[in-house]
């Protein structure tokens, strides 16, 4: 599915269908709330659409290119947030399991969420890019601006920290 991103609407529609859910999950992990994740995901697709002629397949896949755009949009949002005072209100408890989930699955999900939240933001982003984004190490390297080997090493270290955090006594 990584044919060149031409200027046709059909090609861009295919990119959207292929990546929208994963892109949203990645942005949601970075930003921590649904509304901002929806806004930033839409903004990333809008930017990608406007810049679709700048895509260069020699630099990586369409998916990696799109995740790079989304990463920049999410970082812009995080910078914007740091310049404004936080609003205090009642936040939804994301750790509460849905009624249909079985207790073991809910406990595992809760453990991973808590462990992810405890990771440094850079490590959390690496995990999100790798697992929500489904990016290869080569695609990660393009998004992060580092070598493929370095990207793989960074992901391995982040996942190791995540595993340790998941198995740490509460």
N, C-alpha and C. Protein backbone atom coordinates (compact mmCIF):
# COMPACT_ATOMS: atom_id res chain seq x y z
N UNK A 1 0.82 -1.20 0.00
CA UNK A 1 0.00 0.00 0.00
C UNK A 1 0.85 1.26 0.00
N UNK A 2 2.16 1.10 -0.21
CA UNK A 2 3.02 2.26 -0.17
C UNK A 2 3.44 2.74 -1.54
N UNK A 3 2.51 2.77 -2.48
CA UNK A 3 2.81 3.37 -3.77
C UNK A 3 2.93 4.88 -3.56
N UNK A 4 3.57 5.57 -4.49
CA UNK A 4 3.77 7.01 -4.30
C UNK A 4 2.45 7.73 -4.02
N UNK A 5 2.55 8.72 -3.17
CA UNK A 5 1.36 9.52 -2.83
C UNK A 5 1.19 10.57 -3.91
N UNK A 6 0.35 10.26 -4.87
CA UNK A 6 0.13 11.23 -5.92
C UNK A 6 -0.92 12.24 -5.46
N UNK A 7 -1.25 13.13 -6.33
CA UNK A 7 -2.16 14.21 -5.93
C UNK A 7 -3.62 13.82 -6.03
N UNK A 8 -3.92 12.57 -6.39
CA UNK A 8 -5.32 12.20 -6.53
C UNK A 8 -6.00 12.07 -5.17
N UNK A 9 -7.26 12.37 -5.17
CA UNK A 9 -8.05 12.24 -3.96
C UNK A 9 -8.17 10.78 -3.55
N UNK A 10 -8.26 9.88 -4.52
CA UNK A 10 -8.37 8.45 -4.22
C UNK A 10 -7.17 7.96 -3.44
N UNK A 11 -5.98 8.37 -3.81
CA UNK A 11 -4.77 7.96 -3.12
C UNK A 11 -4.77 8.48 -1.68
N UNK A 12 -5.18 9.72 -1.51
CA UNK A 12 -5.22 10.29 -0.17
C UNK A 12 -6.31 9.62 0.67
N UNK A 13 -7.45 9.30 0.06
CA UNK A 13 -8.51 8.57 0.77
C UNK A 13 -7.99 7.23 1.27
N UNK A 14 -7.22 6.54 0.45
CA UNK A 14 -6.66 5.25 0.84
C UNK A 14 -5.71 5.42 2.03
N UNK A 15 -4.90 6.47 2.00
CA UNK A 15 -4.00 6.75 3.13
C UNK A 15 -4.82 7.01 4.39
N UNK A 16 -5.87 7.77 4.28
CA UNK A 16 -6.74 8.06 5.43
C UNK A 16 -7.33 6.77 5.99
N UNK A 17 -7.90 5.95 5.13
CA UNK A 17 -8.51 4.69 5.58
C UNK A 17 -7.49 3.78 6.25
N UNK A 18 -6.29 3.77 5.72
CA UNK A 18 -5.25 2.90 6.25
C UNK A 18 -4.70 3.37 7.60
N UNK A 19 -4.68 4.67 7.83
CA UNK A 19 -3.94 5.21 8.98
C UNK A 19 -4.77 5.91 10.05
N UNK A 20 -6.00 6.27 9.77
CA UNK A 20 -6.75 7.16 10.67
C UNK A 20 -6.83 6.64 12.11
N UNK A 21 -7.21 5.38 12.28
CA UNK A 21 -7.36 4.85 13.64
C UNK A 21 -6.04 4.81 14.39
N UNK A 22 -4.99 4.34 13.71
CA UNK A 22 -3.68 4.26 14.35
C UNK A 22 -3.12 5.64 14.66
N UNK A 23 -3.32 6.58 13.76
CA UNK A 23 -2.85 7.94 13.97
C UNK A 23 -3.56 8.56 15.18
N UNK A 24 -4.87 8.37 15.25
CA UNK A 24 -5.62 8.89 16.40
C UNK A 24 -5.09 8.27 17.70
N UNK A 25 -4.87 6.95 17.71
CA UNK A 25 -4.39 6.28 18.93
C UNK A 25 -3.04 6.83 19.36
N UNK A 26 -2.17 7.07 18.39
CA UNK A 26 -0.85 7.63 18.69
C UNK A 26 -0.98 9.03 19.29
N UNK A 27 -1.76 9.89 18.64
CA UNK A 27 -1.92 11.26 19.11
C UNK A 27 -2.61 11.27 20.48
N UNK A 28 -3.57 10.39 20.67
CA UNK A 28 -4.28 10.29 21.95
C UNK A 28 -3.32 9.94 23.08
N UNK A 29 -2.37 9.05 22.77
CA UNK A 29 -1.37 8.67 23.77
C UNK A 29 -0.49 9.87 24.14
N UNK A 30 -0.14 10.68 23.17
CA UNK A 30 0.70 11.85 23.45
C UNK A 30 -0.04 12.93 24.22
N UNK A 31 -1.30 13.17 23.85
CA UNK A 31 -2.02 14.32 24.39
C UNK A 31 -2.85 14.00 25.63
N UNK A 32 -3.33 12.78 25.73
CA UNK A 32 -4.05 12.39 26.94
C UNK A 32 -5.52 12.71 26.98
N UNK A 33 -6.09 13.26 25.92
CA UNK A 33 -7.54 13.48 25.95
C UNK A 33 -8.12 13.35 24.54
N UNK A 34 -9.37 12.90 24.50
CA UNK A 34 -10.03 12.59 23.23
C UNK A 34 -10.23 13.81 22.34
N UNK A 35 -10.72 14.89 22.91
CA UNK A 35 -11.06 16.07 22.11
C UNK A 35 -9.82 16.64 21.41
N UNK A 36 -8.75 16.79 22.14
CA UNK A 36 -7.51 17.30 21.54
C UNK A 36 -6.96 16.33 20.51
N UNK A 37 -7.05 15.03 20.80
CA UNK A 37 -6.56 14.03 19.86
C UNK A 37 -7.35 14.08 18.56
N UNK A 38 -8.65 14.26 18.65
CA UNK A 38 -9.47 14.38 17.43
C UNK A 38 -9.07 15.61 16.63
N UNK A 39 -8.88 16.73 17.32
CA UNK A 39 -8.51 17.97 16.65
C UNK A 39 -7.15 17.86 15.97
N UNK A 40 -6.18 17.31 16.68
CA UNK A 40 -4.83 17.21 16.14
C UNK A 40 -4.77 16.18 15.01
N UNK A 41 -5.52 15.10 15.13
CA UNK A 41 -5.57 14.11 14.05
C UNK A 41 -6.14 14.75 12.78
N UNK A 42 -7.21 15.50 12.93
CA UNK A 42 -7.80 16.18 11.78
C UNK A 42 -6.82 17.19 11.19
N UNK A 43 -6.13 17.92 12.06
CA UNK A 43 -5.15 18.89 11.61
C UNK A 43 -4.01 18.21 10.84
N UNK A 44 -3.57 17.06 11.34
CA UNK A 44 -2.48 16.33 10.67
C UNK A 44 -2.90 15.90 9.26
N UNK A 45 -4.12 15.39 9.13
CA UNK A 45 -4.59 15.00 7.81
C UNK A 45 -4.77 16.21 6.90
N UNK A 46 -5.21 17.31 7.47
CA UNK A 46 -5.36 18.53 6.66
C UNK A 46 -3.99 18.99 6.15
N UNK A 47 -3.00 19.01 7.05
CA UNK A 47 -1.65 19.41 6.65
C UNK A 47 -1.09 18.46 5.59
N UNK A 48 -1.31 17.16 5.81
CA UNK A 48 -0.81 16.17 4.85
C UNK A 48 -1.46 16.37 3.48
N UNK A 49 -2.75 16.64 3.49
CA UNK A 49 -3.44 16.84 2.22
C UNK A 49 -2.89 18.06 1.48
N UNK A 50 -2.69 19.13 2.22
CA UNK A 50 -2.16 20.34 1.60
C UNK A 50 -0.73 20.15 1.10
N UNK A 51 0.03 19.30 1.78
CA UNK A 51 1.44 19.10 1.43
C UNK A 51 1.68 17.79 0.67
N UNK A 52 0.63 17.18 0.18
CA UNK A 52 0.77 15.85 -0.43
C UNK A 52 1.74 15.81 -1.60
N UNK A 53 1.93 16.92 -2.27
CA UNK A 53 2.87 16.95 -3.38
C UNK A 53 4.32 16.98 -2.90
N UNK A 54 4.54 17.27 -1.63
CA UNK A 54 5.91 17.31 -1.11
C UNK A 54 6.39 15.93 -0.64
N UNK A 55 5.51 14.94 -0.64
CA UNK A 55 5.90 13.59 -0.21
C UNK A 55 6.98 13.05 -1.15
N UNK A 56 8.04 12.52 -0.55
CA UNK A 56 9.15 11.95 -1.32
C UNK A 56 9.34 10.51 -0.86
N UNK A 57 8.99 9.57 -1.72
CA UNK A 57 9.05 8.15 -1.35
C UNK A 57 10.47 7.69 -1.05
N UNK A 58 11.49 8.42 -1.50
CA UNK A 58 12.88 8.05 -1.20
C UNK A 58 13.20 8.26 0.28
N UNK A 59 12.43 9.09 0.95
CA UNK A 59 12.68 9.39 2.37
C UNK A 59 11.91 8.49 3.31
N UNK A 60 11.00 7.68 2.79
CA UNK A 60 10.26 6.77 3.65
C UNK A 60 8.86 6.52 3.13
N UNK A 61 8.10 5.83 3.94
CA UNK A 61 6.74 5.46 3.56
C UNK A 61 5.76 6.61 3.77
N UNK A 62 4.61 6.48 3.14
CA UNK A 62 3.55 7.47 3.33
C UNK A 62 3.11 7.47 4.79
N UNK A 63 3.04 6.29 5.37
CA UNK A 63 2.62 6.17 6.77
C UNK A 63 3.59 6.90 7.69
N UNK A 64 4.87 6.70 7.50
CA UNK A 64 5.88 7.40 8.31
C UNK A 64 5.82 8.90 8.12
N UNK A 65 5.63 9.33 6.87
CA UNK A 65 5.50 10.76 6.56
C UNK A 65 4.31 11.36 7.31
N UNK A 66 3.19 10.65 7.27
CA UNK A 66 1.99 11.13 7.95
C UNK A 66 2.18 11.18 9.46
N UNK A 67 2.81 10.16 10.04
CA UNK A 67 3.05 10.16 11.48
C UNK A 67 4.00 11.27 11.89
N UNK A 68 4.94 11.61 11.02
CA UNK A 68 5.82 12.75 11.29
C UNK A 68 5.04 14.05 11.35
N UNK A 69 4.11 14.22 10.44
CA UNK A 69 3.25 15.41 10.44
C UNK A 69 2.41 15.45 11.72
N UNK A 70 1.85 14.30 12.08
CA UNK A 70 1.02 14.22 13.29
C UNK A 70 1.85 14.50 14.54
N UNK A 71 3.06 13.99 14.57
CA UNK A 71 3.94 14.22 15.71
C UNK A 71 4.18 15.71 15.89
N UNK A 72 4.50 16.39 14.79
CA UNK A 72 4.73 17.83 14.87
C UNK A 72 3.48 18.58 15.33
N UNK A 73 2.32 18.18 14.83
CA UNK A 73 1.07 18.83 15.24
C UNK A 73 0.80 18.59 16.73
N UNK A 74 1.07 17.38 17.20
CA UNK A 74 0.85 17.07 18.63
C UNK A 74 1.83 17.85 19.50
N UNK A 75 3.08 17.94 19.07
CA UNK A 75 4.06 18.71 19.84
C UNK A 75 3.69 20.19 19.87
N UNK A 76 3.16 20.70 18.76
CA UNK A 76 2.66 22.08 18.74
C UNK A 76 1.56 22.27 19.79
N UNK A 77 0.65 21.31 19.86
CA UNK A 77 -0.44 21.37 20.84
C UNK A 77 0.11 21.33 22.27
N UNK A 78 1.08 20.47 22.52
CA UNK A 78 1.67 20.39 23.86
C UNK A 78 2.38 21.69 24.22
N UNK A 79 3.05 22.30 23.26
CA UNK A 79 3.70 23.60 23.53
C UNK A 79 2.65 24.67 23.81
N UNK A 80 1.57 24.64 23.04
CA UNK A 80 0.48 25.61 23.26
C UNK A 80 -0.09 25.46 24.66
N UNK A 81 -0.28 24.22 25.07
CA UNK A 81 -0.81 23.95 26.42
C UNK A 81 0.12 24.47 27.50
N UNK A 82 1.40 24.33 27.28
CA UNK A 82 2.35 24.75 28.33
C UNK A 82 2.36 26.27 28.50
N UNK A 83 1.85 27.00 27.50
CA UNK A 83 1.78 28.46 27.60
C UNK A 83 0.48 28.95 28.20
N UNK A 84 -0.48 28.06 28.40
CA UNK A 84 -1.77 28.47 28.96
C UNK A 84 -1.98 27.80 30.31
N UNK A 85 -2.76 28.42 31.13
CA UNK A 85 -3.07 27.85 32.45
C UNK A 85 -4.02 26.67 32.28
N UNK A 86 -3.76 25.59 33.00
CA UNK A 86 -4.65 24.44 32.88
C UNK A 86 -6.01 24.72 33.49
N UNK A 87 -7.03 24.18 32.88
CA UNK A 87 -8.38 24.28 33.42
C UNK A 87 -8.59 23.12 34.38
N UNK A 88 -9.19 23.41 35.49
CA UNK A 88 -9.46 22.36 36.46
C UNK A 88 -10.93 22.01 36.37
N UNK A 89 -11.18 20.77 36.19
CA UNK A 89 -12.55 20.29 36.08
C UNK A 89 -12.58 18.82 36.38
N UNK A 90 -13.72 18.26 36.28
CA UNK A 90 -13.86 16.84 36.53
C UNK A 90 -13.41 16.08 35.29
N UNK A 91 -12.37 15.29 35.45
CA UNK A 91 -11.83 14.52 34.35
C UNK A 91 -12.39 13.10 34.40
N UNK A 92 -12.61 12.48 33.25
CA UNK A 92 -13.10 11.11 33.26
C UNK A 92 -12.03 10.17 33.79
N UNK A 93 -12.44 9.16 34.51
CA UNK A 93 -11.53 8.17 35.03
C UNK A 93 -11.28 7.12 33.95
N UNK A 94 -10.16 7.25 33.25
CA UNK A 94 -9.86 6.33 32.17
C UNK A 94 -9.50 4.95 32.65
N UNK A 95 -9.22 4.83 33.92
CA UNK A 95 -8.83 3.53 34.44
C UNK A 95 -10.03 2.68 34.83
N UNK A 96 -11.20 3.23 34.77
CA UNK A 96 -12.40 2.46 35.07
C UNK A 96 -12.73 1.58 33.89
N UNK A 97 -12.90 0.30 34.17
CA UNK A 97 -13.17 -0.66 33.09
C UNK A 97 -14.61 -0.54 32.62
N UNK A 98 -14.81 -0.78 31.34
CA UNK A 98 -16.17 -0.85 30.81
C UNK A 98 -16.84 -2.09 31.39
N UNK A 99 -18.17 -2.06 31.59
CA UNK A 99 -18.84 -3.19 32.25
C UNK A 99 -18.65 -4.52 31.53
N UNK A 100 -18.50 -4.50 30.21
CA UNK A 100 -18.40 -5.75 29.48
C UNK A 100 -17.01 -6.38 29.56
N UNK A 101 -16.02 -5.64 30.03
CA UNK A 101 -14.68 -6.20 30.12
C UNK A 101 -14.59 -7.18 31.28
N UNK A 102 -13.86 -8.24 31.08
CA UNK A 102 -13.68 -9.15 32.20
C UNK A 102 -12.62 -8.59 33.13
N UNK A 103 -12.61 -9.03 34.35
CA UNK A 103 -11.78 -8.43 35.40
C UNK A 103 -10.29 -8.52 35.08
N UNK A 104 -9.85 -9.65 34.54
CA UNK A 104 -8.42 -9.80 34.22
C UNK A 104 -7.98 -8.83 33.13
N UNK A 105 -8.78 -8.72 32.09
CA UNK A 105 -8.45 -7.80 30.99
C UNK A 105 -8.45 -6.36 31.50
N UNK A 106 -9.39 -6.03 32.34
CA UNK A 106 -9.46 -4.67 32.89
C UNK A 106 -8.23 -4.38 33.75
N UNK A 107 -7.80 -5.36 34.53
CA UNK A 107 -6.62 -5.19 35.37
C UNK A 107 -5.36 -5.01 34.51
N UNK A 108 -5.22 -5.83 33.48
CA UNK A 108 -4.06 -5.70 32.58
C UNK A 108 -4.06 -4.34 31.90
N UNK A 109 -5.22 -3.93 31.40
CA UNK A 109 -5.33 -2.64 30.73
C UNK A 109 -4.97 -1.50 31.69
N UNK A 110 -5.46 -1.57 32.89
CA UNK A 110 -5.18 -0.56 33.89
C UNK A 110 -3.69 -0.53 34.23
N UNK A 111 -3.09 -1.69 34.37
CA UNK A 111 -1.66 -1.78 34.68
C UNK A 111 -0.82 -1.14 33.59
N UNK A 112 -1.15 -1.43 32.34
CA UNK A 112 -0.40 -0.85 31.22
C UNK A 112 -0.59 0.66 31.17
N UNK A 113 -1.80 1.14 31.39
CA UNK A 113 -2.04 2.59 31.37
C UNK A 113 -1.23 3.30 32.45
N UNK A 114 -1.22 2.73 33.64
CA UNK A 114 -0.47 3.34 34.74
C UNK A 114 1.02 3.30 34.42
N UNK A 115 1.49 2.18 33.88
CA UNK A 115 2.91 2.07 33.53
C UNK A 115 3.29 3.04 32.42
N UNK A 116 2.43 3.19 31.42
CA UNK A 116 2.69 4.16 30.35
C UNK A 116 2.75 5.58 30.89
N UNK A 117 1.82 5.89 31.78
CA UNK A 117 1.79 7.24 32.35
C UNK A 117 3.05 7.53 33.16
N UNK A 118 3.67 6.48 33.71
CA UNK A 118 4.87 6.65 34.53
C UNK A 118 6.12 6.82 33.68
N UNK A 119 6.06 6.45 32.41
CA UNK A 119 7.22 6.60 31.53
C UNK A 119 7.50 8.07 31.24
N UNK A 120 8.74 8.34 30.92
CA UNK A 120 9.10 9.69 30.47
C UNK A 120 8.36 9.96 29.16
N UNK A 121 8.02 11.20 28.88
CA UNK A 121 7.28 11.51 27.65
C UNK A 121 7.94 10.97 26.38
N UNK A 122 9.26 11.03 26.29
CA UNK A 122 9.95 10.50 25.10
C UNK A 122 9.73 9.01 24.94
N UNK A 123 9.81 8.27 26.05
CA UNK A 123 9.60 6.82 26.00
C UNK A 123 8.15 6.50 25.64
N UNK A 124 7.23 7.26 26.21
CA UNK A 124 5.81 7.07 25.92
C UNK A 124 5.54 7.30 24.43
N UNK A 125 6.18 8.33 23.87
CA UNK A 125 6.02 8.60 22.46
C UNK A 125 6.58 7.47 21.59
N UNK A 126 7.72 6.94 21.96
CA UNK A 126 8.31 5.84 21.19
C UNK A 126 7.39 4.62 21.18
N UNK A 127 6.84 4.29 22.34
CA UNK A 127 5.92 3.15 22.44
C UNK A 127 4.69 3.42 21.57
N UNK A 128 4.18 4.64 21.61
CA UNK A 128 3.00 4.98 20.81
C UNK A 128 3.28 4.89 19.32
N UNK A 129 4.42 5.41 18.89
CA UNK A 129 4.76 5.35 17.47
C UNK A 129 4.92 3.91 17.00
N UNK A 130 5.56 3.11 17.82
CA UNK A 130 5.83 1.72 17.43
C UNK A 130 4.57 0.88 17.43
N UNK A 131 3.76 0.99 18.47
CA UNK A 131 2.65 0.07 18.63
C UNK A 131 1.30 0.64 18.18
N UNK A 132 1.03 1.91 18.43
CA UNK A 132 -0.19 2.51 17.90
C UNK A 132 0.00 2.83 16.41
N UNK A 133 1.16 3.36 16.11
CA UNK A 133 1.44 3.75 14.74
C UNK A 133 1.83 2.59 13.85
N UNK A 134 2.35 1.53 14.45
CA UNK A 134 2.77 0.38 13.67
C UNK A 134 3.95 0.69 12.76
N UNK A 135 4.77 1.65 13.16
CA UNK A 135 5.90 2.05 12.32
C UNK A 135 7.07 1.08 12.48
N UNK A 136 7.75 0.84 11.39
CA UNK A 136 8.98 0.04 11.43
C UNK A 136 10.09 0.90 12.02
N UNK A 137 11.21 0.28 12.35
CA UNK A 137 12.33 1.06 12.88
C UNK A 137 12.85 2.06 11.84
N UNK A 138 12.80 1.69 10.57
CA UNK A 138 13.23 2.62 9.52
C UNK A 138 12.29 3.84 9.48
N UNK A 139 10.99 3.60 9.59
CA UNK A 139 10.03 4.71 9.60
C UNK A 139 10.19 5.55 10.86
N UNK A 140 10.43 4.90 11.99
CA UNK A 140 10.68 5.63 13.23
C UNK A 140 11.90 6.54 13.09
N UNK A 141 12.93 6.03 12.46
CA UNK A 141 14.15 6.81 12.28
C UNK A 141 13.88 8.09 11.50
N UNK A 142 13.04 7.99 10.48
CA UNK A 142 12.71 9.17 9.68
C UNK A 142 11.92 10.17 10.53
N UNK A 143 10.93 9.68 11.27
CA UNK A 143 10.09 10.56 12.09
C UNK A 143 10.93 11.23 13.18
N UNK A 144 11.85 10.48 13.79
CA UNK A 144 12.63 10.99 14.92
C UNK A 144 13.92 11.69 14.49
N UNK A 145 14.30 11.53 13.24
CA UNK A 145 15.53 12.16 12.76
C UNK A 145 16.79 11.51 13.31
N UNK A 146 16.81 10.19 13.36
CA UNK A 146 17.97 9.46 13.85
C UNK A 146 18.21 8.25 12.97
N UNK A 147 19.23 7.46 13.27
CA UNK A 147 19.51 6.26 12.48
C UNK A 147 18.50 5.17 12.82
N UNK A 148 18.37 4.21 11.93
CA UNK A 148 17.47 3.09 12.17
C UNK A 148 17.91 2.28 13.38
N UNK A 149 19.22 2.10 13.53
CA UNK A 149 19.75 1.37 14.68
C UNK A 149 19.42 2.09 15.97
N UNK A 150 19.61 3.41 15.96
CA UNK A 150 19.31 4.20 17.15
C UNK A 150 17.82 4.14 17.49
N UNK A 151 16.98 4.21 16.47
CA UNK A 151 15.53 4.12 16.70
C UNK A 151 15.18 2.79 17.35
N UNK A 152 15.74 1.70 16.83
CA UNK A 152 15.48 0.38 17.40
C UNK A 152 15.95 0.26 18.83
N UNK A 153 17.12 0.81 19.11
CA UNK A 153 17.66 0.77 20.46
C UNK A 153 16.78 1.57 21.42
N UNK A 154 16.34 2.74 20.99
CA UNK A 154 15.49 3.58 21.84
C UNK A 154 14.15 2.90 22.13
N UNK A 155 13.57 2.26 21.11
CA UNK A 155 12.30 1.55 21.32
C UNK A 155 12.52 0.39 22.29
N UNK A 156 13.58 -0.35 22.09
CA UNK A 156 13.86 -1.50 22.97
C UNK A 156 13.99 -1.05 24.42
N UNK A 157 14.70 0.03 24.65
CA UNK A 157 14.87 0.54 26.02
C UNK A 157 13.53 1.01 26.60
N UNK A 158 12.73 1.68 25.79
CA UNK A 158 11.42 2.15 26.27
C UNK A 158 10.51 0.97 26.62
N UNK A 159 10.51 -0.05 25.77
CA UNK A 159 9.67 -1.23 26.04
C UNK A 159 10.16 -1.96 27.28
N UNK A 160 11.47 -2.03 27.46
CA UNK A 160 12.02 -2.66 28.66
C UNK A 160 11.55 -1.91 29.91
N UNK A 161 11.59 -0.59 29.87
CA UNK A 161 11.11 0.22 31.00
C UNK A 161 9.62 -0.02 31.24
N UNK A 162 8.86 -0.11 30.15
CA UNK A 162 7.42 -0.35 30.27
C UNK A 162 7.15 -1.70 30.92
N UNK A 163 7.87 -2.73 30.48
CA UNK A 163 7.70 -4.07 31.07
C UNK A 163 8.01 -4.06 32.55
N UNK A 164 9.12 -3.40 32.93
CA UNK A 164 9.49 -3.33 34.34
C UNK A 164 8.41 -2.61 35.14
N UNK A 165 7.90 -1.53 34.59
CA UNK A 165 6.85 -0.77 35.27
C UNK A 165 5.57 -1.58 35.42
N UNK A 166 5.28 -2.42 34.43
CA UNK A 166 4.07 -3.26 34.49
C UNK A 166 4.20 -4.33 35.56
N UNK A 167 5.41 -4.80 35.78
CA UNK A 167 5.62 -5.88 36.75
C UNK A 167 6.08 -5.40 38.11
N UNK A 168 6.20 -4.09 38.28
CA UNK A 168 6.61 -3.53 39.57
C UNK A 168 5.48 -3.70 40.58
N UNK A 169 5.83 -3.97 41.83
CA UNK A 169 4.78 -4.07 42.86
C UNK A 169 4.07 -2.73 43.04
N UNK A 170 2.79 -2.79 43.24
CA UNK A 170 1.97 -1.57 43.36
C UNK A 170 2.17 -0.88 44.67
